[in-house]
Amino acid sequence: MGYSNVGLKDKITEMYPEIAKHGIAVSLDYSEELHSYIVKFKKGPHELTTHLDKKDADACMDGFQCVYLGVQIGEFIKNFEEREKGR
């Protein structure tokens, strides 16, 4: 399946509206070596880097949510919210 990094990023933010709701920046690049996308989530000083396998990215583009990615996003939001409350 052919799609751009921007297309995949847009699809991820569409499928996981909590990203925009919490003002999280998303960037990604494809790693030929790992055959996966390196996805980075950032909000203020908080950052999470995770991998999205090519087959999971393809499924995402076909409209299927990736459970692993959803869990990572949820944990990231939970962690930065807890740290912000602790200040």
PDB file of N, CA and C in Angstrom:
ATOM      1  N   MET A   1       0.848  -1.175   0.000  1.00  0.00           N
ATOM      2  CA  MET A   1       0.000   0.000   0.000  1.00  0.00           C
ATOM      3  C   MET A   1       0.892   1.237   0.000  1.00  0.00           C
ATOM      4  N   GLY A   2       0.566   2.179  -0.853  1.00  0.00           N
ATOM      5  CA  GLY A   2       1.364   3.395  -0.922  1.00  0.00           C
ATOM      6  C   GLY A   2       0.669   4.562  -0.228  1.00  0.00           C
ATOM      7  N   TYR A   3       1.374   5.190   0.669  1.00  0.00           N
ATOM      8  CA  TYR A   3       0.874   6.382   1.356  1.00  0.00           C
ATOM      9  C   TYR A   3       2.075   7.133   1.901  1.00  0.00           C
ATOM     10  N   SER A   4       1.869   8.395   2.169  1.00  0.00           N
ATOM     11  CA  SER A   4       2.966   9.228   2.659  1.00  0.00           C
ATOM     12  C   SER A   4       3.005   9.232   4.182  1.00  0.00           C
ATOM     13  N   ASN A   5       4.120   9.705   4.723  1.00  0.00           N
ATOM     14  CA  ASN A   5       4.226   9.871   6.172  1.00  0.00           C
ATOM     15  C   ASN A   5       3.150  10.825   6.672  1.00  0.00           C
ATOM     16  N   VAL A   6       2.906  11.891   5.918  1.00  0.00           N
ATOM     17  CA  VAL A   6       1.885  12.871   6.305  1.00  0.00           C
ATOM     18  C   VAL A   6       0.508  12.212   6.323  1.00  0.00           C
ATOM     19  N   GLY A   7       0.233  11.384   5.320  1.00  0.00           N
ATOM     20  CA  GLY A   7      -1.045  10.673   5.263  1.00  0.00           C
ATOM     21  C   GLY A   7      -1.233   9.769   6.466  1.00  0.00           C
ATOM     22  N   LEU A   8      -0.185   9.043   6.853  1.00  0.00           N
ATOM     23  CA  LEU A   8      -0.265   8.159   8.007  1.00  0.00           C
ATOM     24  C   LEU A   8      -0.434   8.962   9.287  1.00  0.00           C
ATOM     25  N   LYS A   9       0.313  10.037   9.420  1.00  0.00           N
ATOM     26  CA  LYS A   9       0.189  10.897  10.605  1.00  0.00           C
ATOM     27  C   LYS A   9      -1.229  11.449  10.714  1.00  0.00           C
ATOM     28  N   ASP A  10      -1.784  11.913   9.604  1.00  0.00           N
ATOM     29  CA  ASP A  10      -3.154  12.431   9.603  1.00  0.00           C
ATOM     30  C   ASP A  10      -4.152  11.350   9.998  1.00  0.00           C
ATOM     31  N   LYS A  11      -3.942  10.141   9.511  1.00  0.00           N
ATOM     32  CA  LYS A  11      -4.848   9.030   9.825  1.00  0.00           C
ATOM     33  C   LYS A  11      -4.774   8.684  11.311  1.00  0.00           C
ATOM     34  N   ILE A  12      -3.567   8.669  11.878  1.00  0.00           N
ATOM     35  CA  ILE A  12      -3.398   8.376  13.308  1.00  0.00           C
ATOM     36  C   ILE A  12      -4.117   9.432  14.143  1.00  0.00           C
ATOM     37  N   THR A  13      -3.940  10.709  13.793  1.00  0.00           N
ATOM     38  CA  THR A  13      -4.589  11.767  14.579  1.00  0.00           C
ATOM     39  C   THR A  13      -6.106  11.745  14.392  1.00  0.00           C
ATOM     40  N   GLU A  14      -6.563  11.288  13.250  1.00  0.00           N
ATOM     41  CA  GLU A  14      -8.003  11.146  13.011  1.00  0.00           C
ATOM     42  C   GLU A  14      -8.570  10.004  13.862  1.00  0.00           C
ATOM     43  N   MET A  15      -7.850   8.886  13.919  1.00  0.00           N
ATOM     44  CA  MET A  15      -8.335   7.705  14.636  1.00  0.00           C
ATOM     45  C   MET A  15      -8.228   7.843  16.153  1.00  0.00           C
ATOM     46  N   TYR A  16      -7.311   8.681  16.595  1.00  0.00           N
ATOM     47  CA  TYR A  16      -7.098   8.876  18.027  1.00  0.00           C
ATOM     48  C   TYR A  16      -7.282  10.358  18.353  1.00  0.00           C
ATOM     49  N   PRO A  17      -8.534  10.823  18.473  1.00  0.00           N
ATOM     50  CA  PRO A  17      -8.802  12.249  18.685  1.00  0.00           C
ATOM     51  C   PRO A  17      -8.230  12.801  19.988  1.00  0.00           C
ATOM     52  N   GLU A  18      -7.892  11.936  20.922  1.00  0.00           N
ATOM     53  CA  GLU A  18      -7.297  12.397  22.180  1.00  0.00           C
ATOM     54  C   GLU A  18      -5.940  13.061  21.947  1.00  0.00           C
ATOM     55  N   ILE A  19      -5.296  12.768  20.828  1.00  0.00           N
ATOM     56  CA  ILE A  19      -4.020  13.411  20.492  1.00  0.00           C
ATOM     57  C   ILE A  19      -4.232  14.918  20.363  1.00  0.00           C
ATOM     58  N   ALA A  20      -5.201  15.317  19.543  1.00  0.00           N
ATOM     59  CA  ALA A  20      -5.482  16.745  19.350  1.00  0.00           C
ATOM     60  C   ALA A  20      -6.096  17.351  20.608  1.00  0.00           C
ATOM     61  N   LYS A  21      -6.956  16.594  21.261  1.00  0.00           N
ATOM     62  CA  LYS A  21      -7.622  17.084  22.477  1.00  0.00           C
ATOM     63  C   LYS A  21      -6.605  17.516  23.528  1.00  0.00           C
ATOM     64  N   HIS A  22      -5.504  16.802  23.628  1.00  0.00           N
ATOM     65  CA  HIS A  22      -4.478  17.089  24.630  1.00  0.00           C
ATOM     66  C   HIS A  22      -3.313  17.898  24.066  1.00  0.00           C
ATOM     67  N   GLY A  23      -3.412  18.327  22.811  1.00  0.00           N
ATOM     68  CA  GLY A  23      -2.365  19.158  22.220  1.00  0.00           C
ATOM     69  C   GLY A  23      -1.034  18.450  22.059  1.00  0.00           C
ATOM     70  N   ILE A  24      -1.084  17.180  21.703  1.00  0.00           N
ATOM     71  CA  ILE A  24       0.129  16.378  21.544  1.00  0.00           C
ATOM     72  C   ILE A  24       0.619  16.492  20.097  1.00  0.00           C
ATOM     73  N   ALA A  25       1.900  16.793  19.935  1.00  0.00           N
ATOM     74  CA  ALA A  25       2.511  16.847  18.611  1.00  0.00           C
ATOM     75  C   ALA A  25       2.930  15.437  18.206  1.00  0.00           C
ATOM     76  N   VAL A  26       2.732  15.116  16.941  1.00  0.00           N
ATOM     77  CA  VAL A  26       3.081  13.797  16.418  1.00  0.00           C
ATOM     78  C   VAL A  26       4.029  13.965  15.239  1.00  0.00           C
ATOM     79  N   SER A  27       5.084  13.157  15.238  1.00  0.00           N
ATOM     80  CA  SER A  27       5.964  13.097  14.074  1.00  0.00           C
ATOM     81  C   SER A  27       6.301  11.636  13.828  1.00  0.00           C
ATOM     82  N   LEU A  28       6.626  11.325  12.590  1.00  0.00           N
ATOM     83  CA  LEU A  28       7.002   9.944  12.294  1.00  0.00           C
ATOM     84  C   LEU A  28       7.897   9.884  11.082  1.00  0.00           C
ATOM     85  N   ASP A  29       8.713   8.858  11.070  1.00  0.00           N
ATOM     86  CA  ASP A  29       9.604   8.564   9.955  1.00  0.00           C
ATOM     87  C   ASP A  29       9.660   7.062   9.767  1.00  0.00           C
ATOM     88  N   TYR A  30       9.829   6.633   8.524  1.00  0.00           N
ATOM     89  CA  TYR A  30       9.948   5.207   8.248  1.00  0.00           C
ATOM     90  C   TYR A  30      11.400   4.773   8.363  1.00  0.00           C
ATOM     91  N   SER A  31      11.625   3.659   9.056  1.00  0.00           N
ATOM     92  CA  SER A  31      12.960   3.083   9.181  1.00  0.00           C
ATOM     93  C   SER A  31      13.042   1.848   8.291  1.00  0.00           C
ATOM     94  N   GLU A  32      13.828   1.957   7.234  1.00  0.00           N
ATOM     95  CA  GLU A  32      14.035   0.810   6.339  1.00  0.00           C
ATOM     96  C   GLU A  32      14.658  -0.350   7.110  1.00  0.00           C
ATOM     97  N   GLU A  33      15.578  -0.015   8.000  1.00  0.00           N
ATOM     98  CA  GLU A  33      16.289  -1.039   8.782  1.00  0.00           C
ATOM     99  C   GLU A  33      15.331  -1.854   9.653  1.00  0.00           C
ATOM    100  N   LEU A  34      14.379  -1.177  10.278  1.00  0.00           N
ATOM    101  CA  LEU A  34      13.437  -1.846  11.192  1.00  0.00           C
ATOM    102  C   LEU A  34      12.145  -2.265  10.504  1.00  0.00           C
ATOM    103  N   HIS A  35      11.927  -1.826   9.268  1.00  0.00           N
ATOM    104  CA  HIS A  35      10.679  -2.076   8.543  1.00  0.00           C
ATOM    105  C   HIS A  35       9.473  -1.623   9.368  1.00  0.00           C
ATOM    106  N   SER A  36       9.625  -0.469  10.002  1.00  0.00           N
ATOM    107  CA  SER A  36       8.546   0.084  10.810  1.00  0.00           C
ATOM    108  C   SER A  36       8.677   1.600  10.874  1.00  0.00           C
ATOM    109  N   TYR A  37       7.606   2.213  11.305  1.00  0.00           N
ATOM    110  CA  TYR A  37       7.612   3.660  11.494  1.00  0.00           C
ATOM    111  C   TYR A  37       8.040   3.973  12.923  1.00  0.00           C
ATOM    112  N   ILE A  38       8.861   4.973  13.067  1.00  0.00           N
ATOM    113  CA  ILE A  38       9.247   5.487  14.373  1.00  0.00           C
ATOM    114  C   ILE A  38       8.306   6.667  14.623  1.00  0.00           C
ATOM    115  N   VAL A  39       7.439   6.519  15.620  1.00  0.00           N
ATOM    116  CA  VAL A  39       6.427   7.528  15.907  1.00  0.00           C
ATOM    117  C   VAL A  39       6.802   8.231  17.205  1.00  0.00           C
ATOM    118  N   LYS A  40       6.804   9.560  17.167  1.00  0.00           N
ATOM    119  CA  LYS A  40       7.136  10.351  18.353  1.00  0.00           C
ATOM    120  C   LYS A  40       5.951  11.217  18.734  1.00  0.00           C
ATOM    121  N   PHE A  41       5.607  11.156  20.015  1.00  0.00           N
ATOM    122  CA  PHE A  41       4.568  12.000  20.591  1.00  0.00           C
ATOM    123  C   PHE A  41       5.255  12.952  21.555  1.00  0.00           C
ATOM    124  N   LYS A  42       4.868  14.226  21.512  1.00  0.00           N
ATOM    125  CA  LYS A  42       5.522  15.206  22.367  1.00  0.00           C
ATOM    126  C   LYS A  42       4.501  16.213  22.859  1.00  0.00           C
ATOM    127  N   LYS A  43       4.598  16.510  24.158  1.00  0.00           N
ATOM    128  CA  LYS A  43       3.812  17.579  24.758  1.00  0.00           C
ATOM    129  C   LYS A  43       4.704  18.226  25.804  1.00  0.00           C
ATOM    130  N   GLY A  44       5.064  19.475  25.550  1.00  0.00           N
ATOM    131  CA  GLY A  44       5.974  20.168  26.461  1.00  0.00           C
ATOM    132  C   GLY A  44       7.256  19.376  26.604  1.00  0.00           C
ATOM    133  N   PRO A  45       7.691  19.148  27.844  1.00  0.00           N
ATOM    134  CA  PRO A  45       8.937  18.407  28.049  1.00  0.00           C
ATOM    135  C   PRO A  45       8.763  16.881  27.958  1.00  0.00           C
ATOM    136  N   HIS A  46       7.534  16.426  27.781  1.00  0.00           N
ATOM    137  CA  HIS A  46       7.247  14.995  27.772  1.00  0.00           C
ATOM    138  C   HIS A  46       7.297  14.454  26.345  1.00  0.00           C
ATOM    139  N   GLU A  47       7.969  13.323  26.181  1.00  0.00           N
ATOM    140  CA  GLU A  47       8.120  12.735  24.858  1.00  0.00           C
ATOM    141  C   GLU A  47       8.066  11.216  24.948  1.00  0.00           C
ATOM    142  N   LEU A  48       7.414  10.617  23.950  1.00  0.00           N
ATOM    143  CA  LEU A  48       7.337   9.161  23.845  1.00  0.00           C
ATOM    144  C   LEU A  48       7.700   8.784  22.423  1.00  0.00           C
ATOM    145  N   THR A  49       8.602   7.829  22.279  1.00  0.00           N
ATOM    146  CA  THR A  49       8.961   7.296  20.971  1.00  0.00           C
ATOM    147  C   THR A  49       8.555   5.835  20.949  1.00  0.00           C
ATOM    148  N   THR A  50       7.840   5.436  19.911  1.00  0.00           N
ATOM    149  CA  THR A  50       7.401   4.056  19.786  1.00  0.00           C
ATOM    150  C   THR A  50       7.514   3.628  18.326  1.00  0.00           C
ATOM    151  N   HIS A  51       7.330   2.354  18.067  1.00  0.00           N
ATOM    152  CA  HIS A  51       7.424   1.809  16.721  1.00  0.00           C
ATOM    153  C   HIS A  51       6.042   1.361  16.271  1.00  0.00           C
ATOM    154  N   LEU A  52       5.781   1.512  14.995  1.00  0.00           N
ATOM    155  CA  LEU A  52       4.557   1.018  14.379  1.00  0.00           C
ATOM    156  C   LEU A  52       4.974   0.186  13.179  1.00  0.00           C
ATOM    157  N   ASP A  53       4.783  -1.136  13.287  1.00  0.00           N
ATOM    158  CA  ASP A  53       5.171  -2.027  12.190  1.00  0.00           C
ATOM    159  C   ASP A  53       4.443  -1.645  10.914  1.00  0.00           C
ATOM    160  N   LYS A  54       5.080  -1.921   9.790  1.00  0.00           N
ATOM    161  CA  LYS A  54       4.511  -1.591   8.486  1.00  0.00           C
ATOM    162  C   LYS A  54       3.131  -2.206   8.321  1.00  0.00           C
ATOM    163  N   LYS A  55       2.948  -3.462   8.730  1.00  0.00           N
ATOM    164  CA  LYS A  55       1.639  -4.105   8.564  1.00  0.00           C
ATOM    165  C   LYS A  55       0.588  -3.422   9.431  1.00  0.00           C
ATOM    166  N   ASP A  56       0.966  -2.952  10.625  1.00  0.00           N
ATOM    167  CA  ASP A  56       0.028  -2.220  11.474  1.00  0.00           C
ATOM    168  C   ASP A  56      -0.288  -0.846  10.883  1.00  0.00           C
ATOM    169  N   ALA A  57       0.706  -0.211  10.272  1.00  0.00           N
ATOM    170  CA  ALA A  57       0.486   1.069   9.605  1.00  0.00           C
ATOM    171  C   ALA A  57      -0.461   0.883   8.423  1.00  0.00           C
ATOM    172  N   ASP A  58      -0.268  -0.197   7.678  1.00  0.00           N
ATOM    173  CA  ASP A  58      -1.165  -0.495   6.553  1.00  0.00           C
ATOM    174  C   ASP A  58      -2.596  -0.685   7.054  1.00  0.00           C
ATOM    175  N   ALA A  59      -2.754  -1.427   8.158  1.00  0.00           N
ATOM    176  CA  ALA A  59      -4.080  -1.656   8.725  1.00  0.00           C
ATOM    177  C   ALA A  59      -4.695  -0.336   9.202  1.00  0.00           C
ATOM    178  N   CYS A  60      -3.883   0.511   9.780  1.00  0.00           N
ATOM    179  CA  CYS A  60      -4.338   1.823  10.231  1.00  0.00           C
ATOM    180  C   CYS A  60      -4.886   2.616   9.042  1.00  0.00           C
ATOM    181  N   MET A  61      -4.159   2.603   7.949  1.00  0.00           N
ATOM    182  CA  MET A  61      -4.594   3.329   6.758  1.00  0.00           C
ATOM    183  C   MET A  61      -5.882   2.735   6.177  1.00  0.00           C
ATOM    184  N   ASP A  62      -6.139   1.455   6.468  1.00  0.00           N
ATOM    185  CA  ASP A  62      -7.380   0.808   6.029  1.00  0.00           C
ATOM    186  C   ASP A  62      -8.520   1.022   7.020  1.00  0.00           C
ATOM    187  N   GLY A  63      -8.250   1.795   8.090  1.00  0.00           N
ATOM    188  CA  GLY A  63      -9.311   2.130   9.039  1.00  0.00           C
ATOM    189  C   GLY A  63      -9.368   1.271  10.287  1.00  0.00           C
ATOM    190  N   PHE A  64      -8.372   0.413  10.494  1.00  0.00           N
ATOM    191  CA  PHE A  64      -8.354  -0.426  11.684  1.00  0.00           C
ATOM    192  C   PHE A  64      -7.427   0.183  12.728  1.00  0.00           C
ATOM    193  N   GLN A  65      -7.953   0.399  13.924  1.00  0.00           N
ATOM    194  CA  GLN A  65      -7.118   0.956  14.983  1.00  0.00           C
ATOM    195  C   GLN A  65      -6.103  -0.075  15.436  1.00  0.00           C
ATOM    196  N   CYS A  66      -4.935   0.414  15.751  1.00  0.00           N
ATOM    197  CA  CYS A  66      -3.867  -0.435  16.258  1.00  0.00           C
ATOM    198  C   CYS A  66      -3.939  -0.408  17.782  1.00  0.00           C
ATOM    199  N   VAL A  67      -4.251  -1.528  18.379  1.00  0.00           N
ATOM    200  CA  VAL A  67      -4.417  -1.591  19.831  1.00  0.00           C
ATOM    201  C   VAL A  67      -3.134  -1.177  20.535  1.00  0.00           C
ATOM    202  N   TYR A  68      -1.999  -1.652  20.058  1.00  0.00           N
ATOM    203  CA  TYR A  68      -0.716  -1.325  20.678  1.00  0.00           C
ATOM    204  C   TYR A  68      -0.492   0.182  20.683  1.00  0.00           C
ATOM    205  N   LEU A  69      -0.735   0.826  19.545  1.00  0.00           N
ATOM    206  CA  LEU A  69      -0.531   2.271  19.461  1.00  0.00           C
ATOM    207  C   LEU A  69      -1.512   3.003  20.367  1.00  0.00           C
ATOM    208  N   GLY A  70      -2.755   2.559  20.409  1.00  0.00           N
ATOM    209  CA  GLY A  70      -3.749   3.169  21.287  1.00  0.00           C
ATOM    210  C   GLY A  70      -3.351   3.081  22.751  1.00  0.00           C
ATOM    211  N   VAL A  71      -2.800   1.945  23.155  1.00  0.00           N
ATOM    212  CA  VAL A  71      -2.334   1.775  24.539  1.00  0.00           C
ATOM    213  C   VAL A  71      -1.175   2.731  24.814  1.00  0.00           C
ATOM    214  N   GLN A  72      -0.252   2.847  23.866  1.00  0.00           N
ATOM    215  CA  GLN A  72       0.889   3.751  24.032  1.00  0.00           C
ATOM    216  C   GLN A  72       0.424   5.200  24.192  1.00  0.00           C
ATOM    217  N   ILE A  73      -0.533   5.606  23.370  1.00  0.00           N
ATOM    218  CA  ILE A  73      -1.070   6.969  23.455  1.00  0.00           C
ATOM    219  C   ILE A  73      -1.736   7.182  24.810  1.00  0.00           C
ATOM    220  N   GLY A  74      -2.544   6.217  25.238  1.00  0.00           N
ATOM    221  CA  GLY A  74      -3.220   6.317  26.528  1.00  0.00           C
ATOM    222  C   GLY A  74      -2.246   6.426  27.689  1.00  0.00           C
ATOM    223  N   GLU A  75      -1.200   5.630  27.671  1.00  0.00           N
ATOM    224  CA  GLU A  75      -0.194   5.677  28.734  1.00  0.00           C
ATOM    225  C   GLU A  75       0.551   7.009  28.737  1.00  0.00           C
ATOM    226  N   PHE A  76       0.867   7.514  27.552  1.00  0.00           N
ATOM    227  CA  PHE A  76       1.561   8.788  27.450  1.00  0.00           C
ATOM    228  C   PHE A  76       0.714   9.899  28.058  1.00  0.00           C
ATOM    229  N   ILE A  77      -0.564   9.931  27.700  1.00  0.00           N
ATOM    230  CA  ILE A  77      -1.464  10.953  28.239  1.00  0.00           C
ATOM    231  C   ILE A  77      -1.565  10.823  29.755  1.00  0.00           C
ATOM    232  N   LYS A  78      -1.740   9.626  30.234  1.00  0.00           N
ATOM    233  CA  LYS A  78      -1.842   9.387  31.684  1.00  0.00           C
ATOM    234  C   LYS A  78      -0.574   9.845  32.400  1.00  0.00           C
ATOM    235  N   ASN A  79       0.579   9.506  31.857  1.00  0.00           N
ATOM    236  CA  ASN A  79       1.842   9.855  32.499  1.00  0.00           C
ATOM    237  C   ASN A  79       2.074  11.358  32.555  1.00  0.00           C
ATOM    238  N   PHE A  80       1.845  12.077  31.436  1.00  0.00           N
ATOM    239  CA  PHE A  80       2.111  13.514  31.493  1.00  0.00           C
ATOM    240  C   PHE A  80       1.070  14.223  32.336  1.00  0.00           C
ATOM    241  N   GLU A  81      -0.172  13.726  32.380  1.00  0.00           N
ATOM    242  CA  GLU A  81      -1.188  14.348  33.238  1.00  0.00           C
ATOM    243  C   GLU A  81      -0.819  14.180  34.711  1.00  0.00           C
ATOM    244  N   GLU A  82      -0.324  13.005  35.077  1.00  0.00           N
ATOM    245  CA  GLU A  82       0.091  12.755  36.465  1.00  0.00           C
ATOM    246  C   GLU A  82       1.267  13.653  36.842  1.00  0.00           C
ATOM    247  N   ARG A  83       2.212  13.805  35.946  1.00  0.00           N
ATOM    248  CA  ARG A  83       3.366  14.656  36.225  1.00  0.00           C
ATOM    249  C   ARG A  83       2.948  16.109  36.352  1.00  0.00           C
ATOM    250  N   GLU A  84       2.007  16.544  35.522  1.00  0.00           N
ATOM    251  CA  GLU A  84       1.541  17.929  35.577  1.00  0.00           C
ATOM    252  C   GLU A  84       0.807  18.191  36.895  1.00  0.00           C
ATOM    253  N   LYS A  85       0.054  17.222  37.373  1.00  0.00           N
ATOM    254  CA  LYS A  85      -0.670  17.372  38.649  1.00  0.00           C
ATOM    255  C   LYS A  85       0.310  17.409  39.813  1.00  0.00           C
ATOM    256  N   GLY A  86       1.427  16.715  39.673  1.00  0.00           N
ATOM    257  CA  GLY A  86       2.410  16.621  40.752  1.00  0.00           C
ATOM    258  C   GLY A  86       3.283  17.848  40.900  1.00  0.00           C
ATOM    259  N   ARG A  87       3.178  18.800  40.005  1.00  0.00           N
ATOM    260  CA  ARG A  87       4.022  20.008  40.072  1.00  0.00           C
ATOM    261  C   ARG A  87       3.582  20.928  41.159  1.00  0.00           C
TER     262      ARG A  87
END
